[in-house]
PDB file of N, CA and C in Angstrom:
ATOM      1  N   MET A   1      -1.351 -16.848 -15.791  1.00  0.00           N
ATOM      2  CA  MET A   1      -1.801 -16.876 -14.414  1.00  0.00           C
ATOM      3  C   MET A   1      -1.666 -15.544 -13.685  1.00  0.00           C
ATOM      4  N   THR A   2      -2.775 -14.972 -13.132  1.00  0.00           N
ATOM      5  CA  THR A   2      -2.719 -13.725 -12.467  1.00  0.00           C
ATOM      6  C   THR A   2      -2.399 -13.928 -10.996  1.00  0.00           C
ATOM      7  N   ILE A   3      -1.494 -13.073 -10.524  1.00  0.00           N
ATOM      8  CA  ILE A   3      -1.096 -13.092  -9.062  1.00  0.00           C
ATOM      9  C   ILE A   3      -1.987 -12.097  -8.316  1.00  0.00           C
ATOM     10  N   THR A   4      -2.661 -12.651  -7.301  1.00  0.00           N
ATOM     11  CA  THR A   4      -3.590 -11.793  -6.467  1.00  0.00           C
ATOM     12  C   THR A   4      -2.628 -11.003  -5.469  1.00  0.00           C
ATOM     13  N   PRO A   5      -2.736  -9.675  -5.486  1.00  0.00           N
ATOM     14  CA  PRO A   5      -2.015  -8.949  -4.456  1.00  0.00           C
ATOM     15  C   PRO A   5      -2.574  -9.250  -3.060  1.00  0.00           C
ATOM     16  N   THR A   6      -1.696  -9.042  -2.109  1.00  0.00           N
ATOM     17  CA  THR A   6      -2.073  -9.152  -0.679  1.00  0.00           C
ATOM     18  C   THR A   6      -1.730  -7.884   0.055  1.00  0.00           C
ATOM     19  N   ILE A   7      -2.665  -7.363   0.816  1.00  0.00           N
ATOM     20  CA  ILE A   7      -2.483  -6.132   1.574  1.00  0.00           C
ATOM     21  C   ILE A   7      -2.423  -6.548   3.065  1.00  0.00           C
ATOM     22  N   TYR A   8      -1.340  -6.107   3.641  1.00  0.00           N
ATOM     23  CA  TYR A   8      -1.157  -6.261   5.128  1.00  0.00           C
ATOM     24  C   TYR A   8      -1.447  -4.990   5.774  1.00  0.00           C
ATOM     25  N   GLY A   9      -2.159  -4.943   6.806  1.00  0.00           N
ATOM     26  CA  GLY A   9      -2.402  -3.769   7.623  1.00  0.00           C
ATOM     27  C   GLY A   9      -3.324  -4.055   8.775  1.00  0.00           C
ATOM     28  N   ILE A  10      -4.044  -2.983   9.165  1.00  0.00           N
ATOM     29  CA  ILE A  10      -5.023  -3.021  10.236  1.00  0.00           C
ATOM     30  C   ILE A  10      -6.302  -2.605   9.687  1.00  0.00           C
ATOM     31  N   ALA A  11      -7.344  -3.291   9.939  1.00  0.00           N
ATOM     32  CA  ALA A  11      -8.699  -3.096   9.261  1.00  0.00           C
ATOM     33  C   ALA A  11      -9.201  -1.626   9.527  1.00  0.00           C
ATOM     34  N   ASN A  12      -8.921  -1.028  10.752  1.00  0.00           N
ATOM     35  CA  ASN A  12      -9.463   0.223  11.022  1.00  0.00           C
ATOM     36  C   ASN A  12      -8.521   1.381  10.776  1.00  0.00           C
ATOM     37  N   CYS A  13      -7.390   1.153  10.090  1.00  0.00           N
ATOM     38  CA  CYS A  13      -6.496   2.169   9.684  1.00  0.00           C
ATOM     39  C   CYS A  13      -6.965   2.916   8.520  1.00  0.00           C
ATOM     40  N   ASP A  14      -6.953   4.268   8.587  1.00  0.00           N
ATOM     41  CA  ASP A  14      -7.513   5.114   7.481  1.00  0.00           C
ATOM     42  C   ASP A  14      -6.741   4.863   6.157  1.00  0.00           C
ATOM     43  N   THR A  15      -5.426   4.733   6.233  1.00  0.00           N
ATOM     44  CA  THR A  15      -4.652   4.566   5.091  1.00  0.00           C
ATOM     45  C   THR A  15      -4.921   3.253   4.432  1.00  0.00           C
ATOM     46  N   VAL A  16      -5.113   2.209   5.221  1.00  0.00           N
ATOM     47  CA  VAL A  16      -5.436   0.855   4.769  1.00  0.00           C
ATOM     48  C   VAL A  16      -6.798   0.906   4.022  1.00  0.00           C
ATOM     49  N   ARG A  17      -7.757   1.622   4.728  1.00  0.00           N
ATOM     50  CA  ARG A  17      -9.087   1.758   4.064  1.00  0.00           C
ATOM     51  C   ARG A  17      -9.035   2.388   2.710  1.00  0.00           C
ATOM     52  N   LYS A  18      -8.172   3.453   2.612  1.00  0.00           N
ATOM     53  CA  LYS A  18      -8.083   4.180   1.340  1.00  0.00           C
ATOM     54  C   LYS A  18      -7.468   3.227   0.277  1.00  0.00           C
ATOM     55  N   ALA A  19      -6.550   2.453   0.572  1.00  0.00           N
ATOM     56  CA  ALA A  19      -5.906   1.498  -0.258  1.00  0.00           C
ATOM     57  C   ALA A  19      -6.962   0.459  -0.787  1.00  0.00           C
ATOM     58  N   ARG A  20      -7.659  -0.119   0.198  1.00  0.00           N
ATOM     59  CA  ARG A  20      -8.619  -1.096  -0.161  1.00  0.00           C
ATOM     60  C   ARG A  20      -9.723  -0.464  -0.981  1.00  0.00           C
ATOM     61  N   LYS A  21     -10.176   0.722  -0.656  1.00  0.00           N
ATOM     62  CA  LYS A  21     -11.256   1.354  -1.462  1.00  0.00           C
ATOM     63  C   LYS A  21     -10.826   1.575  -2.888  1.00  0.00           C
ATOM     64  N   TRP A  22      -9.492   1.997  -3.040  1.00  0.00           N
ATOM     65  CA  TRP A  22      -8.903   2.201  -4.388  1.00  0.00           C
ATOM     66  C   TRP A  22      -8.976   0.912  -5.175  1.00  0.00           C
ATOM     67  N   LEU A  23      -8.491  -0.136  -4.550  1.00  0.00           N
ATOM     68  CA  LEU A  23      -8.413  -1.452  -5.234  1.00  0.00           C
ATOM     69  C   LEU A  23      -9.890  -1.903  -5.594  1.00  0.00           C
ATOM     70  N   ASP A  24     -10.800  -1.711  -4.727  1.00  0.00           N
ATOM     71  CA  ASP A  24     -12.219  -2.060  -5.004  1.00  0.00           C
ATOM     72  C   ASP A  24     -12.752  -1.264  -6.115  1.00  0.00           C
ATOM     73  N   ALA A  25     -12.471   0.054  -6.135  1.00  0.00           N
ATOM     74  CA  ALA A  25     -12.947   0.941  -7.155  1.00  0.00           C
ATOM     75  C   ALA A  25     -12.425   0.546  -8.553  1.00  0.00           C
ATOM     76  N   HIS A  26     -11.170  -0.011  -8.553  1.00  0.00           N
ATOM     77  CA  HIS A  26     -10.551  -0.402  -9.861  1.00  0.00           C
ATOM     78  C   HIS A  26     -10.782  -1.903 -10.110  1.00  0.00           C
ATOM     79  N   GLN A  27     -11.672  -2.524  -9.313  1.00  0.00           N
ATOM     80  CA  GLN A  27     -12.024  -3.906  -9.529  1.00  0.00           C
ATOM     81  C   GLN A  27     -10.798  -4.882  -9.534  1.00  0.00           C
ATOM     82  N   ILE A  28      -9.868  -4.565  -8.582  1.00  0.00           N
ATOM     83  CA  ILE A  28      -8.692  -5.410  -8.507  1.00  0.00           C
ATOM     84  C   ILE A  28      -8.912  -6.356  -7.240  1.00  0.00           C
ATOM     85  N   ALA A  29      -8.972  -7.583  -7.462  1.00  0.00           N
ATOM     86  CA  ALA A  29      -9.103  -8.583  -6.351  1.00  0.00           C
ATOM     87  C   ALA A  29      -7.835  -8.616  -5.469  1.00  0.00           C
ATOM     88  N   TYR A  30      -8.031  -8.740  -4.197  1.00  0.00           N
ATOM     89  CA  TYR A  30      -6.866  -8.778  -3.363  1.00  0.00           C
ATOM     90  C   TYR A  30      -7.282  -9.633  -2.102  1.00  0.00           C
ATOM     91  N   ASP A  31      -6.154 -10.079  -1.434  1.00  0.00           N
ATOM     92  CA  ASP A  31      -6.396 -10.747  -0.098  1.00  0.00           C
ATOM     93  C   ASP A  31      -6.006  -9.693   0.975  1.00  0.00           C
ATOM     94  N   PHE A  32      -6.658  -9.755   2.084  1.00  0.00           N
ATOM     95  CA  PHE A  32      -6.300  -8.744   3.193  1.00  0.00           C
ATOM     96  C   PHE A  32      -5.903  -9.604   4.371  1.00  0.00           C
ATOM     97  N   VAL A  33      -4.811  -9.120   5.008  1.00  0.00           N
ATOM     98  CA  VAL A  33      -4.418  -9.712   6.283  1.00  0.00           C
ATOM     99  C   VAL A  33      -4.252  -8.684   7.264  1.00  0.00           C
ATOM    100  N   ASP A  34      -4.980  -8.825   8.364  1.00  0.00           N
ATOM    101  CA  ASP A  34      -4.939  -7.856   9.520  1.00  0.00           C
ATOM    102  C   ASP A  34      -3.797  -8.383  10.370  1.00  0.00           C
ATOM    103  N   VAL A  35      -2.754  -7.527  10.502  1.00  0.00           N
ATOM    104  CA  VAL A  35      -1.561  -7.882  11.237  1.00  0.00           C
ATOM    105  C   VAL A  35      -1.783  -8.048  12.669  1.00  0.00           C
ATOM    106  N   ARG A  36      -2.857  -7.596  13.213  1.00  0.00           N
ATOM    107  CA  ARG A  36      -3.109  -7.716  14.623  1.00  0.00           C
ATOM    108  C   ARG A  36      -3.700  -9.140  14.875  1.00  0.00           C
ATOM    109  N   GLU A  37      -4.415  -9.651  13.942  1.00  0.00           N
ATOM    110  CA  GLU A  37      -5.009 -10.958  14.013  1.00  0.00           C
ATOM    111  C   GLU A  37      -4.188 -12.126  13.524  1.00  0.00           C
ATOM    112  N   GLN A  38      -3.330 -11.799  12.570  1.00  0.00           N
ATOM    113  CA  GLN A  38      -2.461 -12.774  12.022  1.00  0.00           C
ATOM    114  C   GLN A  38      -1.110 -12.181  11.816  1.00  0.00           C
ATOM    115  N   LEU A  39      -0.208 -12.367  12.699  1.00  0.00           N
ATOM    116  CA  LEU A  39       1.104 -11.824  12.666  1.00  0.00           C
ATOM    117  C   LEU A  39       1.793 -12.326  11.395  1.00  0.00           C
ATOM    118  N   PRO A  40       2.515 -11.395  10.708  1.00  0.00           N
ATOM    119  CA  PRO A  40       3.368 -11.793   9.616  1.00  0.00           C
ATOM    120  C   PRO A  40       4.498 -12.718  10.130  1.00  0.00           C
ATOM    121  N   SER A  41       4.892 -13.650   9.272  1.00  0.00           N
ATOM    122  CA  SER A  41       5.942 -14.584   9.614  1.00  0.00           C
ATOM    123  C   SER A  41       7.314 -13.876   9.729  1.00  0.00           C
ATOM    124  N   PRO A  42       8.269 -14.423  10.436  1.00  0.00           N
ATOM    125  CA  PRO A  42       9.526 -13.850  10.489  1.00  0.00           C
ATOM    126  C   PRO A  42      10.178 -13.746   9.071  1.00  0.00           C
ATOM    127  N   SER A  43       9.963 -14.728   8.237  1.00  0.00           N
ATOM    128  CA  SER A  43      10.442 -14.682   6.910  1.00  0.00           C
ATOM    129  C   SER A  43       9.788 -13.577   6.051  1.00  0.00           C
ATOM    130  N   LYS A  44       8.572 -13.285   6.264  1.00  0.00           N
ATOM    131  CA  LYS A  44       7.797 -12.248   5.640  1.00  0.00           C
ATOM    132  C   LYS A  44       8.387 -10.933   6.029  1.00  0.00           C
ATOM    133  N   VAL A  45       8.577 -10.648   7.292  1.00  0.00           N
ATOM    134  CA  VAL A  45       9.113  -9.375   7.799  1.00  0.00           C
ATOM    135  C   VAL A  45      10.567  -9.163   7.240  1.00  0.00           C
ATOM    136  N   SER A  46      11.256 -10.303   7.235  1.00  0.00           N
ATOM    137  CA  SER A  46      12.673 -10.244   6.729  1.00  0.00           C
ATOM    138  C   SER A  46      12.704  -9.840   5.200  1.00  0.00           C
ATOM    139  N   LEU A  47      11.763 -10.383   4.418  1.00  0.00           N
ATOM    140  CA  LEU A  47      11.599 -10.101   3.021  1.00  0.00           C
ATOM    141  C   LEU A  47      11.290  -8.625   2.842  1.00  0.00           C
ATOM    142  N   TRP A  48      10.354  -8.117   3.622  1.00  0.00           N
ATOM    143  CA  TRP A  48       9.991  -6.731   3.505  1.00  0.00           C
ATOM    144  C   TRP A  48      11.201  -5.834   3.858  1.00  0.00           C
ATOM    145  N   LEU A  49      11.928  -6.100   4.868  1.00  0.00           N
ATOM    146  CA  LEU A  49      13.077  -5.318   5.226  1.00  0.00           C
ATOM    147  C   LEU A  49      14.122  -5.413   4.137  1.00  0.00           C
ATOM    148  N   GLU A  50      14.276  -6.495   3.529  1.00  0.00           N
ATOM    149  CA  GLU A  50      15.229  -6.691   2.437  1.00  0.00           C
ATOM    150  C   GLU A  50      14.765  -5.903   1.240  1.00  0.00           C
ATOM    151  N   LYS A  51      13.483  -5.814   0.941  1.00  0.00           N
ATOM    152  CA  LYS A  51      12.920  -5.147  -0.261  1.00  0.00           C
ATOM    153  C   LYS A  51      12.939  -3.666  -0.107  1.00  0.00           C
ATOM    154  N   VAL A  52      12.442  -3.129   1.086  1.00  0.00           N
ATOM    155  CA  VAL A  52      12.184  -1.696   1.277  1.00  0.00           C
ATOM    156  C   VAL A  52      13.048  -1.000   2.297  1.00  0.00           C
ATOM    157  N   GLY A  53      13.664  -1.818   3.176  1.00  0.00           N
ATOM    158  CA  GLY A  53      14.576  -1.234   4.220  1.00  0.00           C
ATOM    159  C   GLY A  53      13.849  -0.741   5.442  1.00  0.00           C
ATOM    160  N   VAL A  54      14.527  -0.670   6.572  1.00  0.00           N
ATOM    161  CA  VAL A  54      13.919  -0.386   7.805  1.00  0.00           C
ATOM    162  C   VAL A  54      13.399   1.060   7.879  1.00  0.00           C
ATOM    163  N   GLU A  55      14.004   1.976   7.165  1.00  0.00           N
ATOM    164  CA  GLU A  55      13.510   3.394   7.089  1.00  0.00           C
ATOM    165  C   GLU A  55      12.083   3.514   6.482  1.00  0.00           C
ATOM    166  N   GLN A  56      11.851   2.739   5.493  1.00  0.00           N
ATOM    167  CA  GLN A  56      10.538   2.870   4.874  1.00  0.00           C
ATOM    168  C   GLN A  56       9.464   1.981   5.568  1.00  0.00           C
ATOM    169  N   LEU A  57       9.915   0.888   6.160  1.00  0.00           N
ATOM    170  CA  LEU A  57       9.008  -0.116   6.749  1.00  0.00           C
ATOM    171  C   LEU A  57       8.506   0.389   8.153  1.00  0.00           C
ATOM    172  N   VAL A  58       9.287   1.113   8.881  1.00  0.00           N
ATOM    173  CA  VAL A  58       8.883   1.500  10.267  1.00  0.00           C
ATOM    174  C   VAL A  58       8.166   2.762  10.256  1.00  0.00           C
ATOM    175  N   ASN A  59       6.947   2.750  10.947  1.00  0.00           N
ATOM    176  CA  ASN A  59       6.086   3.876  11.033  1.00  0.00           C
ATOM    177  C   ASN A  59       6.595   4.697  12.287  1.00  0.00           C
ATOM    178  N   ARG A  60       7.399   5.716  12.038  1.00  0.00           N
ATOM    179  CA  ARG A  60       7.899   6.587  13.122  1.00  0.00           C
ATOM    180  C   ARG A  60       6.921   7.587  13.612  1.00  0.00           C
ATOM    181  N   ARG A  61       5.710   7.655  12.971  1.00  0.00           N
ATOM    182  CA  ARG A  61       4.674   8.555  13.503  1.00  0.00           C
ATOM    183  C   ARG A  61       3.597   7.922  14.297  1.00  0.00           C
ATOM    184  N   SER A  62       3.772   6.611  14.455  1.00  0.00           N
ATOM    185  CA  SER A  62       2.814   5.810  15.209  1.00  0.00           C
ATOM    186  C   SER A  62       2.914   6.026  16.679  1.00  0.00           C
ATOM    187  N   THR A  63       1.719   5.764  17.413  1.00  0.00           N
ATOM    188  CA  THR A  63       1.767   5.818  18.827  1.00  0.00           C
ATOM    189  C   THR A  63       2.680   4.773  19.433  1.00  0.00           C
ATOM    190  N   THR A  64       2.771   3.611  18.750  1.00  0.00           N
ATOM    191  CA  THR A  64       3.641   2.498  19.182  1.00  0.00           C
ATOM    192  C   THR A  64       5.112   3.034  19.218  1.00  0.00           C
ATOM    193  N   TRP A  65       5.527   3.732  18.108  1.00  0.00           N
ATOM    194  CA  TRP A  65       6.851   4.293  18.139  1.00  0.00           C
ATOM    195  C   TRP A  65       7.159   5.234  19.298  1.00  0.00           C
ATOM    196  N   ARG A  66       6.216   6.103  19.421  1.00  0.00           N
ATOM    197  CA  ARG A  66       6.355   7.159  20.524  1.00  0.00           C
ATOM    198  C   ARG A  66       6.459   6.490  21.848  1.00  0.00           C
ATOM    199  N   ASN A  67       5.836   5.344  22.085  1.00  0.00           N
ATOM    200  CA  ASN A  67       5.849   4.637  23.332  1.00  0.00           C
ATOM    201  C   ASN A  67       6.974   3.675  23.528  1.00  0.00           C
ATOM    202  N   LEU A  68       7.789   3.524  22.512  1.00  0.00           N
ATOM    203  CA  LEU A  68       8.936   2.595  22.591  1.00  0.00           C
ATOM    204  C   LEU A  68      10.049   3.162  23.432  1.00  0.00           C
ATOM    205  N   ALA A  69      10.682   2.349  24.213  1.00  0.00           N
ATOM    206  CA  ALA A  69      11.829   2.790  25.026  1.00  0.00           C
ATOM    207  C   ALA A  69      12.924   3.150  24.019  1.00  0.00           C
ATOM    208  N   ASP A  70      13.786   4.150  24.471  1.00  0.00           N
ATOM    209  CA  ASP A  70      14.873   4.572  23.636  1.00  0.00           C
ATOM    210  C   ASP A  70      15.839   3.415  23.275  1.00  0.00           C
ATOM    211  N   SER A  71      15.981   2.529  24.222  1.00  0.00           N
ATOM    212  CA  SER A  71      16.852   1.325  23.971  1.00  0.00           C
ATOM    213  C   SER A  71      16.309   0.421  22.791  1.00  0.00           C
ATOM    214  N   THR A  72      14.967   0.369  22.761  1.00  0.00           N
ATOM    215  CA  THR A  72      14.386  -0.421  21.698  1.00  0.00           C
ATOM    216  C   THR A  72      14.499   0.227  20.314  1.00  0.00           C
ATOM    217  N   ARG A  73      14.353   1.597  20.371  1.00  0.00           N
ATOM    218  CA  ARG A  73      14.536   2.377  19.132  1.00  0.00           C
ATOM    219  C   ARG A  73      15.967   2.228  18.654  1.00  0.00           C
ATOM    220  N   LYS A  74      16.866   2.223  19.536  1.00  0.00           N
ATOM    221  CA  LYS A  74      18.305   2.080  19.131  1.00  0.00           C
ATOM    222  C   LYS A  74      18.556   0.668  18.621  1.00  0.00           C
ATOM    223  N   ALA A  75      18.033  -0.271  19.244  1.00  0.00           N
ATOM    224  CA  ALA A  75      18.128  -1.674  18.770  1.00  0.00           C
ATOM    225  C   ALA A  75      17.631  -1.868  17.344  1.00  0.00           C
ATOM    226  N   LEU A  76      16.467  -1.132  17.061  1.00  0.00           N
ATOM    227  CA  LEU A  76      15.953  -1.182  15.760  1.00  0.00           C
ATOM    228  C   LEU A  76      16.895  -0.719  14.675  1.00  0.00           C
ATOM    229  N   GLU A  77      17.607   0.301  15.018  1.00  0.00           N
ATOM    230  CA  GLU A  77      18.665   0.834  14.137  1.00  0.00           C
ATOM    231  C   GLU A  77      19.923  -0.080  14.094  1.00  0.00           C
ATOM    232  N   ASP A  78      20.081  -0.835  15.102  1.00  0.00           N
ATOM    233  CA  ASP A  78      21.316  -1.598  15.235  1.00  0.00           C
ATOM    234  C   ASP A  78      21.086  -3.087  14.672  1.00  0.00           C
ATOM    235  N   GLY A  79      20.044  -3.287  13.925  1.00  0.00           N
ATOM    236  CA  GLY A  79      19.897  -4.609  13.261  1.00  0.00           C
ATOM    237  C   GLY A  79      18.909  -5.528  13.880  1.00  0.00           C
ATOM    238  N   ALA A  80      18.153  -5.114  14.919  1.00  0.00           N
ATOM    239  CA  ALA A  80      17.169  -6.005  15.551  1.00  0.00           C
ATOM    240  C   ALA A  80      15.702  -5.697  15.043  1.00  0.00           C
ATOM    241  N   ALA A  81      15.651  -5.060  13.838  1.00  0.00           N
ATOM    242  CA  ALA A  81      14.393  -4.664  13.307  1.00  0.00           C
ATOM    243  C   ALA A  81      13.407  -5.751  13.171  1.00  0.00           C
ATOM    244  N   GLN A  82      13.790  -6.938  12.668  1.00  0.00           N
ATOM    245  CA  GLN A  82      12.888  -7.996  12.398  1.00  0.00           C
ATOM    246  C   GLN A  82      12.194  -8.409  13.637  1.00  0.00           C
ATOM    247  N   GLN A  83      12.917  -8.687  14.701  1.00  0.00           N
ATOM    248  CA  GLN A  83      12.336  -9.187  15.990  1.00  0.00           C
ATOM    249  C   GLN A  83      11.409  -8.013  16.613  1.00  0.00           C
ATOM    250  N   ILE A  84      11.814  -6.767  16.540  1.00  0.00           N
ATOM    251  CA  ILE A  84      11.041  -5.698  17.116  1.00  0.00           C
ATOM    252  C   ILE A  84       9.711  -5.545  16.354  1.00  0.00           C
ATOM    253  N   LEU A  85       9.728  -5.672  14.970  1.00  0.00           N
ATOM    254  CA  LEU A  85       8.526  -5.578  14.194  1.00  0.00           C
ATOM    255  C   LEU A  85       7.589  -6.703  14.504  1.00  0.00           C
ATOM    256  N   LEU A  86       8.177  -7.907  14.715  1.00  0.00           N
ATOM    257  CA  LEU A  86       7.345  -9.069  15.073  1.00  0.00           C
ATOM    258  C   LEU A  86       6.708  -8.885  16.482  1.00  0.00           C
ATOM    259  N   ASP A  87       7.414  -8.253  17.397  1.00  0.00           N
ATOM    260  CA  ASP A  87       6.966  -7.999  18.744  1.00  0.00           C
ATOM    261  C   ASP A  87       5.940  -6.875  18.803  1.00  0.00           C
ATOM    262  N   HIS A  88       6.084  -5.899  17.814  1.00  0.00           N
ATOM    263  CA  HIS A  88       5.253  -4.656  17.753  1.00  0.00           C
ATOM    264  C   HIS A  88       4.753  -4.562  16.341  1.00  0.00           C
ATOM    265  N   PRO A  89       3.833  -5.298  15.868  1.00  0.00           N
ATOM    266  CA  PRO A  89       3.390  -5.332  14.449  1.00  0.00           C
ATOM    267  C   PRO A  89       2.774  -3.979  14.014  1.00  0.00           C
ATOM    268  N   THR A  90       2.282  -3.155  15.021  1.00  0.00           N
ATOM    269  CA  THR A  90       1.756  -1.870  14.664  1.00  0.00           C
ATOM    270  C   THR A  90       2.796  -0.810  14.302  1.00  0.00           C
ATOM    271  N   LEU A  91       4.073  -1.171  14.467  1.00  0.00           N
ATOM    272  CA  LEU A  91       5.139  -0.369  14.074  1.00  0.00           C
ATOM    273  C   LEU A  91       5.386  -0.430  12.578  1.00  0.00           C
ATOM    274  N   ILE A  92       4.786  -1.376  11.898  1.00  0.00           N
ATOM    275  CA  ILE A  92       4.926  -1.627  10.504  1.00  0.00           C
ATOM    276  C   ILE A  92       4.052  -0.531   9.794  1.00  0.00           C
ATOM    277  N   LYS A  93       4.627   0.200   8.881  1.00  0.00           N
ATOM    278  CA  LYS A  93       3.904   1.244   8.217  1.00  0.00           C
ATOM    279  C   LYS A  93       2.893   0.555   7.336  1.00  0.00           C
ATOM    280  N   ARG A  94       1.675   1.123   7.229  1.00  0.00           N
ATOM    281  CA  ARG A  94       0.643   0.541   6.571  1.00  0.00           C
ATOM    282  C   ARG A  94       0.141   1.280   5.358  1.00  0.00           C
ATOM    283  N   PRO A  95      -0.457   0.607   4.442  1.00  0.00           N
ATOM    284  CA  PRO A  95      -0.450  -0.829   4.190  1.00  0.00           C
ATOM    285  C   PRO A  95       0.863  -1.353   3.576  1.00  0.00           C
ATOM    286  N   VAL A  96       1.099  -2.607   3.663  1.00  0.00           N
ATOM    287  CA  VAL A  96       2.122  -3.248   2.904  1.00  0.00           C
ATOM    288  C   VAL A  96       1.434  -3.981   1.820  1.00  0.00           C
ATOM    289  N   LEU A  97       1.801  -3.678   0.570  1.00  0.00           N
ATOM    290  CA  LEU A  97       1.104  -4.358  -0.573  1.00  0.00           C
ATOM    291  C   LEU A  97       2.186  -5.295  -1.106  1.00  0.00           C
ATOM    292  N   GLU A  98       1.788  -6.535  -1.295  1.00  0.00           N
ATOM    293  CA  GLU A  98       2.723  -7.615  -1.860  1.00  0.00           C
ATOM    294  C   GLU A  98       2.091  -8.074  -3.145  1.00  0.00           C
ATOM    295  N   LEU A  99       2.865  -7.974  -4.192  1.00  0.00           N
ATOM    296  CA  LEU A  99       2.385  -8.583  -5.564  1.00  0.00           C
ATOM    297  C   LEU A  99       3.574  -9.292  -6.103  1.00  0.00           C
ATOM    298  N   GLY A 100       3.549 -10.638  -5.942  1.00  0.00           N
ATOM    299  CA  GLY A 100       4.695 -11.434  -6.351  1.00  0.00           C
ATOM    300  C   GLY A 100       5.919 -11.067  -5.546  1.00  0.00           C
ATOM    301  N   SER A 101       6.895 -10.704  -6.234  1.00  0.00           N
ATOM    302  CA  SER A 101       8.163 -10.290  -5.472  1.00  0.00           C
ATOM    303  C   SER A 101       8.257  -8.822  -5.202  1.00  0.00           C
ATOM    304  N   GLU A 102       7.221  -8.079  -5.559  1.00  0.00           N
ATOM    305  CA  GLU A 102       7.233  -6.617  -5.343  1.00  0.00           C
ATOM    306  C   GLU A 102       6.541  -6.309  -4.009  1.00  0.00           C
ATOM    307  N   VAL A 103       7.060  -5.260  -3.307  1.00  0.00           N
ATOM    308  CA  VAL A 103       6.562  -4.786  -2.025  1.00  0.00           C
ATOM    309  C   VAL A 103       6.427  -3.328  -2.169  1.00  0.00           C
ATOM    310  N   ILE A 104       5.238  -2.770  -1.832  1.00  0.00           N
ATOM    311  CA  ILE A 104       5.039  -1.365  -1.744  1.00  0.00           C
ATOM    312  C   ILE A 104       4.474  -1.055  -0.324  1.00  0.00           C
ATOM    313  N   VAL A 105       5.075  -0.059   0.326  1.00  0.00           N
ATOM    314  CA  VAL A 105       4.637   0.340   1.653  1.00  0.00           C
ATOM    315  C   VAL A 105       4.040   1.687   1.628  1.00  0.00           C
ATOM    316  N   GLY A 106       2.858   1.828   2.277  1.00  0.00           N
ATOM    317  CA  GLY A 106       2.137   3.025   2.301  1.00  0.00           C
ATOM    318  C   GLY A 106       1.188   3.081   1.169  1.00  0.00           C
ATOM    319  N   PHE A 107       0.314   4.095   1.039  1.00  0.00           N
ATOM    320  CA  PHE A 107      -0.595   4.152  -0.006  1.00  0.00           C
ATOM    321  C   PHE A 107      -0.479   5.575  -0.744  1.00  0.00           C
ATOM    322  N   SER A 108      -0.385   5.467  -2.053  1.00  0.00           N
ATOM    323  CA  SER A 108      -0.434   6.664  -2.931  1.00  0.00           C
ATOM    324  C   SER A 108      -1.193   6.222  -4.161  1.00  0.00           C
ATOM    325  N   ALA A 109      -2.356   6.903  -4.463  1.00  0.00           N
ATOM    326  CA  ALA A 109      -3.160   6.557  -5.584  1.00  0.00           C
ATOM    327  C   ALA A 109      -2.330   6.543  -6.821  1.00  0.00           C
ATOM    328  N   ASP A 110      -1.440   7.528  -7.009  1.00  0.00           N
ATOM    329  CA  ASP A 110      -0.591   7.600  -8.232  1.00  0.00           C
ATOM    330  C   ASP A 110       0.338   6.433  -8.311  1.00  0.00           C
ATOM    331  N   ARG A 111       0.944   5.969  -7.203  1.00  0.00           N
ATOM    332  CA  ARG A 111       1.840   4.840  -7.202  1.00  0.00           C
ATOM    333  C   ARG A 111       1.057   3.566  -7.589  1.00  0.00           C
ATOM    334  N   TYR A 112      -0.122   3.417  -6.900  1.00  0.00           N
ATOM    335  CA  TYR A 112      -0.966   2.158  -7.266  1.00  0.00           C
ATOM    336  C   TYR A 112      -1.411   2.194  -8.720  1.00  0.00           C
ATOM    337  N   GLN A 113      -1.815   3.396  -9.170  1.00  0.00           N
ATOM    338  CA  GLN A 113      -2.164   3.488 -10.626  1.00  0.00           C
ATOM    339  C   GLN A 113      -1.051   3.049 -11.515  1.00  0.00           C
ATOM    340  N   GLN A 114       0.161   3.570 -11.189  1.00  0.00           N
ATOM    341  CA  GLN A 114       1.331   3.193 -12.031  1.00  0.00           C
ATOM    342  C   GLN A 114       1.593   1.701 -11.863  1.00  0.00           C
ATOM    343  N   HIS A 115       1.517   1.173 -10.693  1.00  0.00           N
ATOM    344  CA  HIS A 115       1.878  -0.215 -10.406  1.00  0.00           C
ATOM    345  C   HIS A 115       0.934  -1.147 -11.116  1.00  0.00           C
ATOM    346  N   PHE A 116      -0.370  -0.856 -11.066  1.00  0.00           N
ATOM    347  CA  PHE A 116      -1.371  -1.707 -11.665  1.00  0.00           C
ATOM    348  C   PHE A 116      -1.793  -1.341 -13.097  1.00  0.00           C
ATOM    349  N   ASN A 117      -1.145  -0.325 -13.638  1.00  0.00           N
ATOM    350  CA  ASN A 117      -1.393   0.110 -15.013  1.00  0.00           C
ATOM    351  C   ASN A 117      -2.868   0.394 -15.276  1.00  0.00           C
ATOM    352  N   VAL A 118      -3.491   1.155 -14.413  1.00  0.00           N
ATOM    353  CA  VAL A 118      -4.966   1.489 -14.651  1.00  0.00           C
ATOM    354  C   VAL A 118      -5.159   2.971 -14.721  1.00  0.00           C
TER     355      VAL A 118
END
């Protein structure tokens, strides 16, 4: 049985578009979840944090990050990452690719190529 990967992101994000285009070009079927329309569950965000850590999951170059209060940024570092990411889903670095128990954050053609053995 083949597991279908799921991509979490925002439809109009350039990096998400690149990842989806790469998957399409390699004829890899996937599910897409727009995190603005369908928030990830608390358990999903918790899993991502467990798998990749807050440093990799939080997009510190985003407009959302720049607009966060210093106290919220500090809370993120002090263990409140799950709730802050649920409150501000655009803080999640995109795309998040889930394949079974594996989680890959961001897009790199080389990494996807290695991951999917194509």
